[in-house]
Amino acid sequence: MSKQTVADYLLERLRAWGVSHIFGYPGDGINGIVAALGRSEDHPTFVQARHEEMSAFEAVGYAKYGDAPFGVCLATSGPGAIHLLNGLYDAKLDHVPTVAIVGQTNRSAMGGAYQQEIDLITLFKDVASDYVQMVTVPQQLPGVLDRAIRVAVAQRAPTAIIIPADVQELEYVAPTHAFKMVPSSLGIEWATPVPDDDAIRRAADVLNSGERPAILIGQGARGARVEVERVADLLGAGAAKALLGKDVLSDDLPWVTGSIGLLGTRASYEMMKHCDMLLTVGSNFPYTQFMPESGQARAVQIDIDGRFIGMRYDYEVNLVGDAAATLRALIPLLRQRDHGSWRHHVEKNVAEWWESMDAEAHVDANPINPQLMFHAASKKLPPNVMVAADSGSAANWYARQLRFRPPCAARCRARWPRWVPVCRT
């Protein structure tokens, strides 16, 4: 039997983590890994892109839309590694767990200004700031790979591991029970963080105080659709959606004002302009000019990541916790309000907005009004559709014309029962 190389073991370990697809482009710096992929009988499947940048975007897209909690991309040393950056920055800014595996010149050539040799740790220091490491001996591999995966999922960020070409072809040797060896293990069981009782009570007091309540949700509320709907009903609130959270609440709900911001709706703008209480759930929405004026509204924020709490507005109570669990803790403390003039005002604005969008979609154009395509698609899209929008005018029509009807909470929990507690922005 031929020896198991470091590259062979890399794929074995990825399979153990449930990785079924790797997106990449071949090159000399990853010949050992590409050869191992050939021996692996398409397990995991190697999806060859036309360019390393696209392989990174494909891995990010797979993590956003696919049945795995993180994506994996593969690139050779030098220019191949550089090409990954654009896609990995998309992962960083959209908080998408992604693991980049990158080749490097042989260890014997490093530091010698060898062909295509660049300082990869420095290159990835920003985009993969949560974790970037080079594997220089076989015993190092499982610990580095396992940690790269755990950090990517825990921080919802890109991580990177660098494996020199000669290391890939070494015989794999497991770490031993010895000094300065780092054994590692598979798997992780996530906690479901909830703020303490005092913080929950203070937040409930703020939420109960408003006469004109508004909710802003992002993709961090994706696993909390049922809870957000219950809170909106108790408070008599309207709810706006950051673009990354467009699929969280159905646009058929009369109090959902739709998108907010540069591509937002008039209904969202009016709600934020006149509200006196704001609850933000799982969103780091950046355009503060579309938020209430400073001091206008008492405000509470919920986010699972303390690094993104308390930003964008002068929140009175900042709750670090899982969106669904935190809202479930809040719900018993919230008072049921009559759906009075404020809620009716929000719903009137929403109805007028959709009438306006219908009118814009049916303006005659030659050869076709593109808004009509989006408007018509809204009536045909199934509840479990996956939609991606490019930049430019299409993003505007996507934000304003497409009506989503997502069965999201059940879908998230069914697809990722082990990972849902970390579903955030």
Protein backbone atom coordinates (compact mmCIF):
# COMPACT_ATOMS: atom_id res chain seq x y z
CA MET A 1 0.00 0.00 0.00
CA SER A 2 1.34 3.42 -0.93
CA LYS A 3 2.02 5.89 1.82
CA GLN A 4 -0.62 8.41 2.88
CA THR A 5 0.66 11.87 2.07
CA VAL A 6 -0.10 15.07 3.92
CA ALA A 7 -2.36 16.02 0.99
CA ASP A 8 -4.22 12.70 1.27
CA TYR A 9 -4.76 13.25 4.96
CA LEU A 10 -5.89 16.84 4.35
CA LEU A 11 -8.75 15.51 2.21
CA GLU A 12 -9.54 12.78 4.72
CA ARG A 13 -9.82 15.36 7.48
CA LEU A 14 -12.01 17.62 5.35
CA ARG A 15 -14.30 14.66 4.63
CA ALA A 16 -14.53 14.03 8.37
CA TRP A 17 -15.71 17.63 8.77
CA GLY A 18 -18.43 16.98 6.20
CA VAL A 19 -16.80 18.88 3.32
CA SER A 20 -18.24 17.65 0.02
CA HIS A 21 -16.98 20.34 -2.39
CA ILE A 22 -13.71 22.23 -2.84
CA PHE A 23 -13.60 25.16 -5.27
CA GLY A 24 -10.27 25.94 -6.86
CA TYR A 25 -7.89 26.17 -9.78
CA PRO A 26 -4.78 23.96 -10.23
CA GLY A 27 -1.22 25.23 -10.10
CA ASP A 28 2.31 24.03 -9.37
CA GLY A 29 2.14 25.12 -5.74
CA ILE A 30 -0.73 22.72 -5.02
CA ASN A 31 0.27 19.78 -7.25
CA GLY A 32 0.33 17.49 -4.24
CA ILE A 33 -3.24 18.39 -3.26
CA VAL A 34 -4.51 18.18 -6.85
CA ALA A 35 -2.95 14.71 -7.18
CA ALA A 36 -4.62 13.66 -3.92
CA LEU A 37 -7.95 14.92 -5.27
CA GLY A 38 -7.41 12.64 -8.26
CA ARG A 39 -6.92 9.70 -5.88
CA SER A 40 -9.95 10.60 -3.76
CA GLU A 41 -12.50 9.45 -6.37
CA ASP A 42 -14.38 12.77 -6.36
CA HIS A 43 -14.78 12.84 -2.60
CA PRO A 44 -14.70 15.70 -1.94
CA THR A 45 -15.72 16.96 -5.37
CA PHE A 46 -13.23 19.36 -6.91
CA VAL A 47 -15.06 22.19 -8.71
CA GLN A 48 -12.60 23.86 -11.07
CA ALA A 49 -13.17 27.55 -11.58
CA ARG A 50 -11.82 29.57 -14.51
CA HIS A 51 -9.87 31.80 -12.15
CA GLU A 52 -8.89 31.67 -8.48
CA GLU A 53 -10.93 34.76 -7.68
CA MET A 54 -14.03 32.93 -8.90
CA SER A 55 -13.15 29.88 -6.80
CA ALA A 56 -13.23 32.06 -3.69
CA PHE A 57 -16.57 33.60 -4.71
CA GLU A 58 -17.92 30.11 -5.43
CA ALA A 59 -16.90 28.90 -1.98
CA VAL A 60 -18.53 31.93 -0.38
CA GLY A 61 -21.68 31.46 -2.44
CA TYR A 62 -21.77 27.79 -1.49
CA ALA A 63 -21.63 28.71 2.19
CA LYS A 64 -24.36 31.32 1.71
CA TYR A 65 -26.72 29.13 -0.28
CA GLY A 66 -25.61 25.52 0.07
CA ASP A 67 -26.09 22.77 2.60
CA ALA A 68 -22.81 23.31 4.45
CA PRO A 69 -21.94 25.81 7.20
CA PHE A 70 -18.67 26.86 5.54
CA GLY A 71 -17.03 26.91 2.11
CA VAL A 72 -13.56 25.75 1.08
CA CYS A 73 -11.43 27.22 -1.72
CA LEU A 74 -8.03 26.14 -3.04
CA ALA A 75 -5.32 28.10 -4.86
CA THR A 76 -1.69 27.81 -5.77
CA SER A 77 1.11 30.00 -4.44
CA GLY A 78 1.94 33.54 -5.54
CA PRO A 79 -0.55 34.97 -8.05
CA GLY A 80 -3.08 32.23 -7.37
CA ALA A 81 -3.16 33.12 -3.69
CA ILE A 82 -3.44 36.82 -4.49
CA HIS A 83 -6.44 36.18 -6.73
CA LEU A 84 -8.37 34.73 -3.77
CA LEU A 85 -8.46 38.04 -1.95
CA ASN A 86 -11.51 39.61 -3.59
CA GLY A 87 -13.73 36.63 -2.85
CA LEU A 88 -12.38 36.28 0.67
CA TYR A 89 -13.11 39.95 1.38
CA ASP A 90 -16.68 39.26 0.31
CA ALA A 91 -16.72 36.52 2.96
CA LYS A 92 -15.21 38.85 5.54
CA LEU A 93 -17.64 41.72 4.95
CA ASP A 94 -20.71 39.48 4.66
CA HIS A 95 -19.65 37.33 7.65
CA VAL A 96 -19.51 34.04 5.74
CA PRO A 97 -17.40 31.14 7.12
CA THR A 98 -14.83 30.25 4.46
CA VAL A 99 -11.56 28.30 4.65
CA ALA A 100 -8.85 29.06 2.06
CA ILE A 101 -6.19 26.41 1.46
CA VAL A 102 -3.16 27.83 -0.33
CA GLY A 103 0.09 26.42 -1.65
CA GLN A 104 3.56 27.87 -1.16
CA THR A 105 7.01 27.24 -2.63
CA ASN A 106 9.11 24.47 -1.08
CA ARG A 107 10.41 25.18 2.40
CA SER A 108 13.98 24.92 1.12
CA ALA A 109 13.37 27.83 -1.26
CA MET A 110 11.51 30.12 1.12
CA GLY A 111 13.31 33.37 1.79
CA GLY A 112 15.34 33.05 -1.41
CA ALA A 113 13.21 35.29 -3.66
CA TYR A 114 12.19 32.15 -5.50
CA GLN A 115 9.72 32.10 -8.40
CA GLN A 116 6.26 33.30 -7.31
CA GLU A 117 7.34 33.42 -3.66
CA ILE A 118 5.44 36.02 -1.66
CA ASP A 119 4.88 36.41 2.07
CA LEU A 120 1.48 34.72 2.26
CA ILE A 121 0.98 35.19 5.98
CA THR A 122 1.36 38.94 5.51
CA LEU A 123 -0.86 38.83 2.43
CA PHE A 124 -3.73 37.16 4.32
CA LYS A 125 -3.12 38.99 7.61
CA ASP A 126 -6.09 41.33 7.10
CA VAL A 127 -8.63 39.31 5.14
CA ALA A 128 -8.08 36.23 7.32
CA SER A 129 -7.20 38.15 10.45
CA ASP A 130 -9.06 35.73 12.71
CA TYR A 131 -6.78 32.85 11.75
CA VAL A 132 -3.99 32.34 9.20
CA GLN A 133 -1.23 29.77 9.66
CA MET A 134 1.39 27.83 7.70
CA VAL A 135 1.84 24.06 8.03
CA THR A 136 5.55 23.22 8.01
CA VAL A 137 5.53 19.62 9.35
CA PRO A 138 2.94 16.83 8.93
CA GLN A 139 2.14 16.61 12.64
CA GLN A 140 0.92 20.22 12.55
CA LEU A 141 -1.81 19.65 9.98
CA PRO A 142 -4.82 18.36 11.95
CA GLY A 143 -4.59 21.03 14.62
CA VAL A 144 -4.20 23.86 12.11
CA LEU A 145 -7.00 22.63 9.84
CA ASP A 146 -9.42 21.91 12.69
CA ARG A 147 -8.79 25.31 14.22
CA ALA A 148 -9.17 27.08 10.88
CA ILE A 149 -12.60 25.47 10.47
CA ARG A 150 -13.74 26.17 14.03
CA VAL A 151 -12.60 29.79 13.91
CA ALA A 152 -14.25 30.33 10.52
CA VAL A 153 -17.59 29.06 11.80
CA ALA A 154 -17.38 30.61 15.26
CA GLN A 155 -16.36 34.04 13.98
CA ARG A 156 -18.28 33.76 10.70
CA ALA A 157 -15.17 34.86 8.85
CA PRO A 158 -12.58 33.65 6.33
CA THR A 159 -9.53 31.78 7.59
CA ALA A 160 -6.48 30.57 5.66
CA ILE A 161 -3.98 27.73 5.90
CA ILE A 162 -0.79 27.66 3.84
CA ILE A 163 0.85 24.35 2.92
CA PRO A 164 4.24 24.43 1.11
CA ALA A 165 4.45 22.22 -1.96
CA ASP A 166 7.03 19.83 -0.49
CA VAL A 167 5.02 19.40 2.73
CA GLN A 168 1.99 18.29 0.71
CA GLU A 169 3.92 15.28 -0.59
CA LEU A 170 5.48 14.20 2.71
CA GLU A 171 4.24 11.05 4.38
CA TYR A 172 1.59 11.99 6.91
CA VAL A 173 2.58 11.44 10.55
CA ALA A 174 0.06 12.14 13.30
CA PRO A 175 0.99 14.30 16.30
CA THR A 176 2.31 12.24 19.17
CA HIS A 177 1.80 12.41 22.91
CA ALA A 178 4.94 14.50 23.39
CA PHE A 179 6.24 17.90 24.36
CA LYS A 180 5.26 20.66 21.91
CA MET A 181 2.88 18.45 19.97
CA VAL A 182 -0.68 19.71 19.52
CA PRO A 183 -3.28 16.92 19.26
CA SER A 184 -6.64 17.87 17.82
CA SER A 185 -10.18 16.55 17.57
CA LEU A 186 -13.17 16.79 15.27
CA GLY A 187 -16.52 18.44 15.84
CA ILE A 188 -17.94 21.20 17.99
CA GLU A 189 -21.09 21.56 20.05
CA TRP A 190 -22.37 25.12 20.17
CA ALA A 191 -23.84 26.89 23.15
CA THR A 192 -26.91 29.06 22.70
CA PRO A 193 -25.97 32.35 24.40
CA VAL A 194 -28.68 34.41 26.10
CA PRO A 195 -28.14 37.66 28.07
CA ASP A 196 -28.71 37.56 31.82
CA ASP A 197 -32.13 38.18 33.37
CA ASP A 198 -31.39 41.76 34.45
CA ALA A 199 -30.36 42.75 30.93
CA ILE A 200 -33.48 41.13 29.51
CA ARG A 201 -35.69 43.05 31.97
CA ARG A 202 -34.02 46.37 31.13
CA ALA A 203 -34.46 45.71 27.43
CA ALA A 204 -38.14 44.82 27.96
CA ASP A 205 -38.67 48.09 29.83
CA VAL A 206 -37.30 50.02 26.87
CA LEU A 207 -39.37 48.07 24.35
CA ASN A 208 -42.55 48.51 26.39
CA SER A 209 -42.05 52.27 26.60
CA GLY A 210 -42.51 53.13 22.95
CA GLU A 211 -45.68 54.38 21.31
CA ARG A 212 -44.27 54.15 17.79
CA PRO A 213 -42.08 51.03 17.74
CA ALA A 214 -39.93 49.93 14.80
CA ILE A 215 -37.88 46.79 14.21
CA LEU A 216 -34.81 46.48 11.99
CA ILE A 217 -33.66 42.97 11.10
CA GLY A 218 -30.65 41.56 9.29
CA GLN A 219 -29.48 38.11 8.35
CA GLY A 220 -28.70 37.41 12.01
CA ALA A 221 -32.45 37.10 12.55
CA ARG A 222 -32.71 34.35 9.94
CA GLY A 223 -33.28 31.61 12.52
CA ALA A 224 -35.72 33.76 14.52
CA ARG A 225 -38.55 34.49 12.08
CA VAL A 226 -41.29 33.15 14.38
CA GLU A 227 -39.94 35.11 17.35
CA VAL A 228 -39.62 38.37 15.37
CA GLU A 229 -43.22 38.04 14.17
CA ARG A 230 -44.41 37.48 17.74
CA VAL A 231 -42.53 40.52 19.06
CA ALA A 232 -43.89 42.69 16.24
CA ASP A 233 -47.41 41.55 17.11
CA LEU A 234 -46.96 42.28 20.83
CA LEU A 235 -45.48 45.73 20.26
CA GLY A 236 -47.60 46.70 17.28
CA ALA A 237 -44.38 47.40 15.41
CA GLY A 238 -43.45 47.61 11.77
CA ALA A 239 -40.29 45.87 10.57
CA ALA A 240 -37.70 46.99 8.02
CA LYS A 241 -35.16 44.63 6.49
CA ALA A 242 -31.50 45.24 5.72
CA LEU A 243 -30.69 43.73 2.32
CA LEU A 244 -28.85 40.74 3.84
CA GLY A 245 -32.01 40.00 5.82
CA LYS A 246 -34.43 40.37 2.92
CA ASP A 247 -35.44 36.71 3.14
CA VAL A 248 -36.11 36.66 6.89
CA LEU A 249 -39.68 38.00 6.90
CA SER A 250 -42.34 37.58 4.25
CA ASP A 251 -43.08 40.67 2.19
CA ASP A 252 -46.72 39.65 2.21
CA LEU A 253 -46.98 40.66 5.88
CA PRO A 254 -48.72 44.08 5.89
CA TRP A 255 -46.41 45.54 8.56
CA VAL A 256 -43.13 44.56 6.85
CA THR A 257 -41.87 47.76 5.27
CA GLY A 258 -39.27 46.05 3.11
CA SER A 259 -35.71 47.14 2.40
CA ILE A 260 -34.04 50.05 4.13
CA GLY A 261 -31.23 52.33 3.03
CA LEU A 262 -30.01 53.50 -0.36
CA LEU A 263 -32.15 50.84 -2.06
CA GLY A 264 -34.90 51.01 0.52
CA THR A 265 -38.60 51.73 0.46
CA ARG A 266 -40.50 54.88 1.30
CA ALA A 267 -42.38 52.90 3.96
CA SER A 268 -39.12 52.02 5.76
CA TYR A 269 -37.90 55.61 5.51
CA GLU A 270 -41.11 57.02 7.01
CA MET A 271 -41.15 54.45 9.80
CA MET A 272 -37.59 55.24 10.87
CA LYS A 273 -38.22 58.98 10.59
CA HIS A 274 -41.14 58.91 13.02
CA CYS A 275 -40.55 55.96 15.39
CA ASP A 276 -39.82 56.49 19.08
CA MET A 277 -38.52 52.98 19.83
CA LEU A 278 -36.14 50.82 17.79
CA LEU A 279 -35.29 47.12 18.14
CA THR A 280 -32.42 45.93 15.92
CA VAL A 281 -31.96 42.18 15.56
CA GLY A 282 -28.95 40.61 13.86
CA SER A 283 -28.01 43.57 11.70
CA ASN A 284 -24.96 45.79 11.32
CA PHE A 285 -26.75 48.02 8.78
CA PRO A 286 -24.20 50.76 8.00
CA TYR A 287 -26.19 53.71 6.63
CA THR A 288 -26.95 55.66 9.78
CA GLN A 289 -28.66 58.46 7.87
CA PHE A 290 -31.59 56.08 7.39
CA MET A 291 -31.82 55.34 11.12
CA PRO A 292 -33.82 57.51 13.54
CA GLU A 293 -32.26 60.84 14.49
CA SER A 294 -29.98 60.64 17.51
CA GLY A 295 -32.10 60.86 20.66
CA GLN A 296 -35.34 60.38 18.73
CA ALA A 297 -35.89 56.76 19.77
CA ARG A 298 -35.06 54.57 22.72
CA ALA A 299 -33.29 51.56 21.29
CA VAL A 300 -32.26 47.94 21.94
CA GLN A 301 -29.90 45.83 19.87
CA ILE A 302 -29.54 42.04 19.78
CA ASP A 303 -26.51 40.41 18.15
CA ILE A 304 -24.64 37.19 18.79
CA ASP A 305 -21.27 38.87 18.19
CA GLY A 306 -20.17 41.39 20.79
CA ARG A 307 -17.76 42.92 18.28
CA PHE A 308 -20.71 44.34 16.36
CA ILE A 309 -22.93 45.40 19.23
CA GLY A 310 -23.74 49.01 20.06
CA MET A 311 -22.77 50.33 16.62
CA ARG A 312 -24.66 52.66 14.28
CA TYR A 313 -27.07 54.08 16.89
CA ASP A 314 -27.05 55.12 20.54
CA TYR A 315 -28.64 51.92 21.80
CA GLU A 316 -29.75 52.00 25.41
CA VAL A 317 -29.44 48.24 25.96
CA ASN A 318 -27.09 46.02 23.95
CA LEU A 319 -27.86 42.30 24.25
CA VAL A 320 -25.22 39.79 23.16
CA GLY A 321 -26.99 36.53 22.43
CA ASP A 322 -28.62 34.23 19.92
CA ALA A 323 -31.47 36.11 18.23
CA ALA A 324 -34.17 33.48 18.65
CA ALA A 325 -33.27 32.56 22.23
CA THR A 326 -32.97 36.21 23.31
CA LEU A 327 -36.31 37.11 21.78
CA ARG A 328 -37.93 34.10 23.47
CA ALA A 329 -36.61 35.38 26.81
CA LEU A 330 -38.01 38.85 26.07
CA ILE A 331 -41.46 37.82 24.88
CA PRO A 332 -42.99 36.99 28.32
CA LEU A 333 -41.98 40.47 29.54
CA LEU A 334 -43.52 42.40 26.66
CA ARG A 335 -46.99 43.90 27.00
CA GLN A 336 -49.58 43.24 24.32
CA ARG A 337 -50.47 46.52 22.66
CA ASP A 338 -53.53 47.42 20.69
CA HIS A 339 -52.63 47.85 17.05
CA GLY A 340 -53.60 51.51 16.98
CA SER A 341 -52.88 54.44 14.74
CA TRP A 342 -49.11 53.81 14.50
CA ARG A 343 -49.44 50.26 13.18
CA HIS A 344 -52.23 51.33 10.83
CA HIS A 345 -50.02 54.17 9.59
CA VAL A 346 -47.17 51.73 8.89
CA GLU A 347 -49.47 49.31 7.07
CA LYS A 348 -50.98 52.15 5.01
CA ASN A 349 -47.49 53.21 3.90
CA VAL A 350 -46.62 49.61 3.01
CA ALA A 351 -49.77 49.21 0.89
CA GLU A 352 -49.10 52.50 -0.90
CA TRP A 353 -45.51 51.43 -1.56
CA TRP A 354 -46.54 48.21 -3.27
CA GLU A 355 -49.12 50.12 -5.31
CA SER A 356 -46.35 52.47 -6.41
CA MET A 357 -44.07 49.55 -7.35
CA ASP A 358 -46.89 48.00 -9.36
CA ALA A 359 -47.39 51.24 -11.23
CA GLU A 360 -43.66 51.63 -11.95
CA ALA A 361 -43.44 48.05 -13.20
CA HIS A 362 -46.24 48.66 -15.70
CA VAL A 363 -44.82 51.81 -17.27
CA ASP A 364 -44.51 51.16 -21.00
CA ALA A 365 -40.98 50.69 -22.29
CA ASN A 366 -39.28 49.43 -25.45
CA PRO A 367 -38.52 46.58 -25.63
CA ILE A 368 -39.48 45.89 -21.99
CA ASN A 369 -39.56 47.60 -18.63
CA PRO A 370 -37.03 45.56 -16.59
CA GLN A 371 -38.93 46.26 -13.39
CA LEU A 372 -41.85 44.30 -14.84
CA MET A 373 -39.66 41.19 -14.97
CA PHE A 374 -38.93 41.44 -11.25
CA HIS A 375 -42.54 42.32 -10.46
CA ALA A 376 -43.82 39.29 -12.41
CA ALA A 377 -41.19 36.98 -10.91
CA SER A 378 -42.46 37.78 -7.41
CA LYS A 379 -45.70 35.99 -8.21
CA LYS A 380 -43.93 32.90 -9.56
CA LEU A 381 -41.07 32.33 -7.12
CA PRO A 382 -41.54 29.36 -4.78
CA PRO A 383 -41.07 29.88 -1.01
CA ASN A 384 -37.72 28.05 -0.96
CA VAL A 385 -36.18 29.89 -3.92
CA MET A 386 -32.55 31.01 -3.78
CA VAL A 387 -31.96 34.41 -5.37
CA ALA A 388 -28.67 36.22 -5.96
CA ALA A 389 -28.48 39.85 -7.06
CA ASP A 390 -25.58 41.52 -8.81
CA SER A 391 -24.69 45.18 -8.33
CA GLY A 392 -26.05 48.05 -10.41
CA SER A 393 -29.67 48.70 -11.34
CA ALA A 394 -30.56 45.04 -10.90
CA ALA A 395 -29.85 45.35 -7.16
CA ASN A 396 -32.32 48.23 -6.96
CA TRP A 397 -35.08 46.23 -8.64
CA TYR A 398 -34.21 43.18 -6.52
CA ALA A 399 -34.47 45.23 -3.33
CA ARG A 400 -37.71 47.00 -4.18
CA GLN A 401 -39.70 44.84 -6.55
CA LEU A 402 -39.10 41.24 -5.46
CA ARG A 403 -41.44 40.04 -2.73
CA PHE A 404 -40.00 37.18 -0.69
CA ARG A 405 -42.13 34.61 1.14
CA PRO A 406 -39.56 32.60 3.09
CA PRO A 407 -40.20 29.57 5.32
CA CYS A 408 -36.88 30.48 6.84
CA ALA A 409 -36.79 29.41 10.48
CA ALA A 410 -37.84 25.84 9.78
CA ARG A 411 -35.48 25.65 6.81
CA CYS A 412 -32.47 26.88 8.79
CA ARG A 413 -33.05 24.43 11.60
CA ALA A 414 -33.66 21.54 9.21
CA ARG A 415 -30.55 22.23 7.13
CA TRP A 416 -28.09 23.09 9.89
CA PRO A 417 -29.27 21.65 13.22
CA ARG A 418 -25.72 21.74 14.62
CA TRP A 419 -24.91 25.23 13.33
CA VAL A 420 -28.07 27.34 13.73
CA PRO A 421 -27.04 28.82 17.11
CA VAL A 422 -24.31 30.79 15.36
CA CYS A 423 -26.55 32.05 12.55
CA ARG A 424 -25.97 35.82 12.62
CA THR A 425 -25.29 38.77 10.36
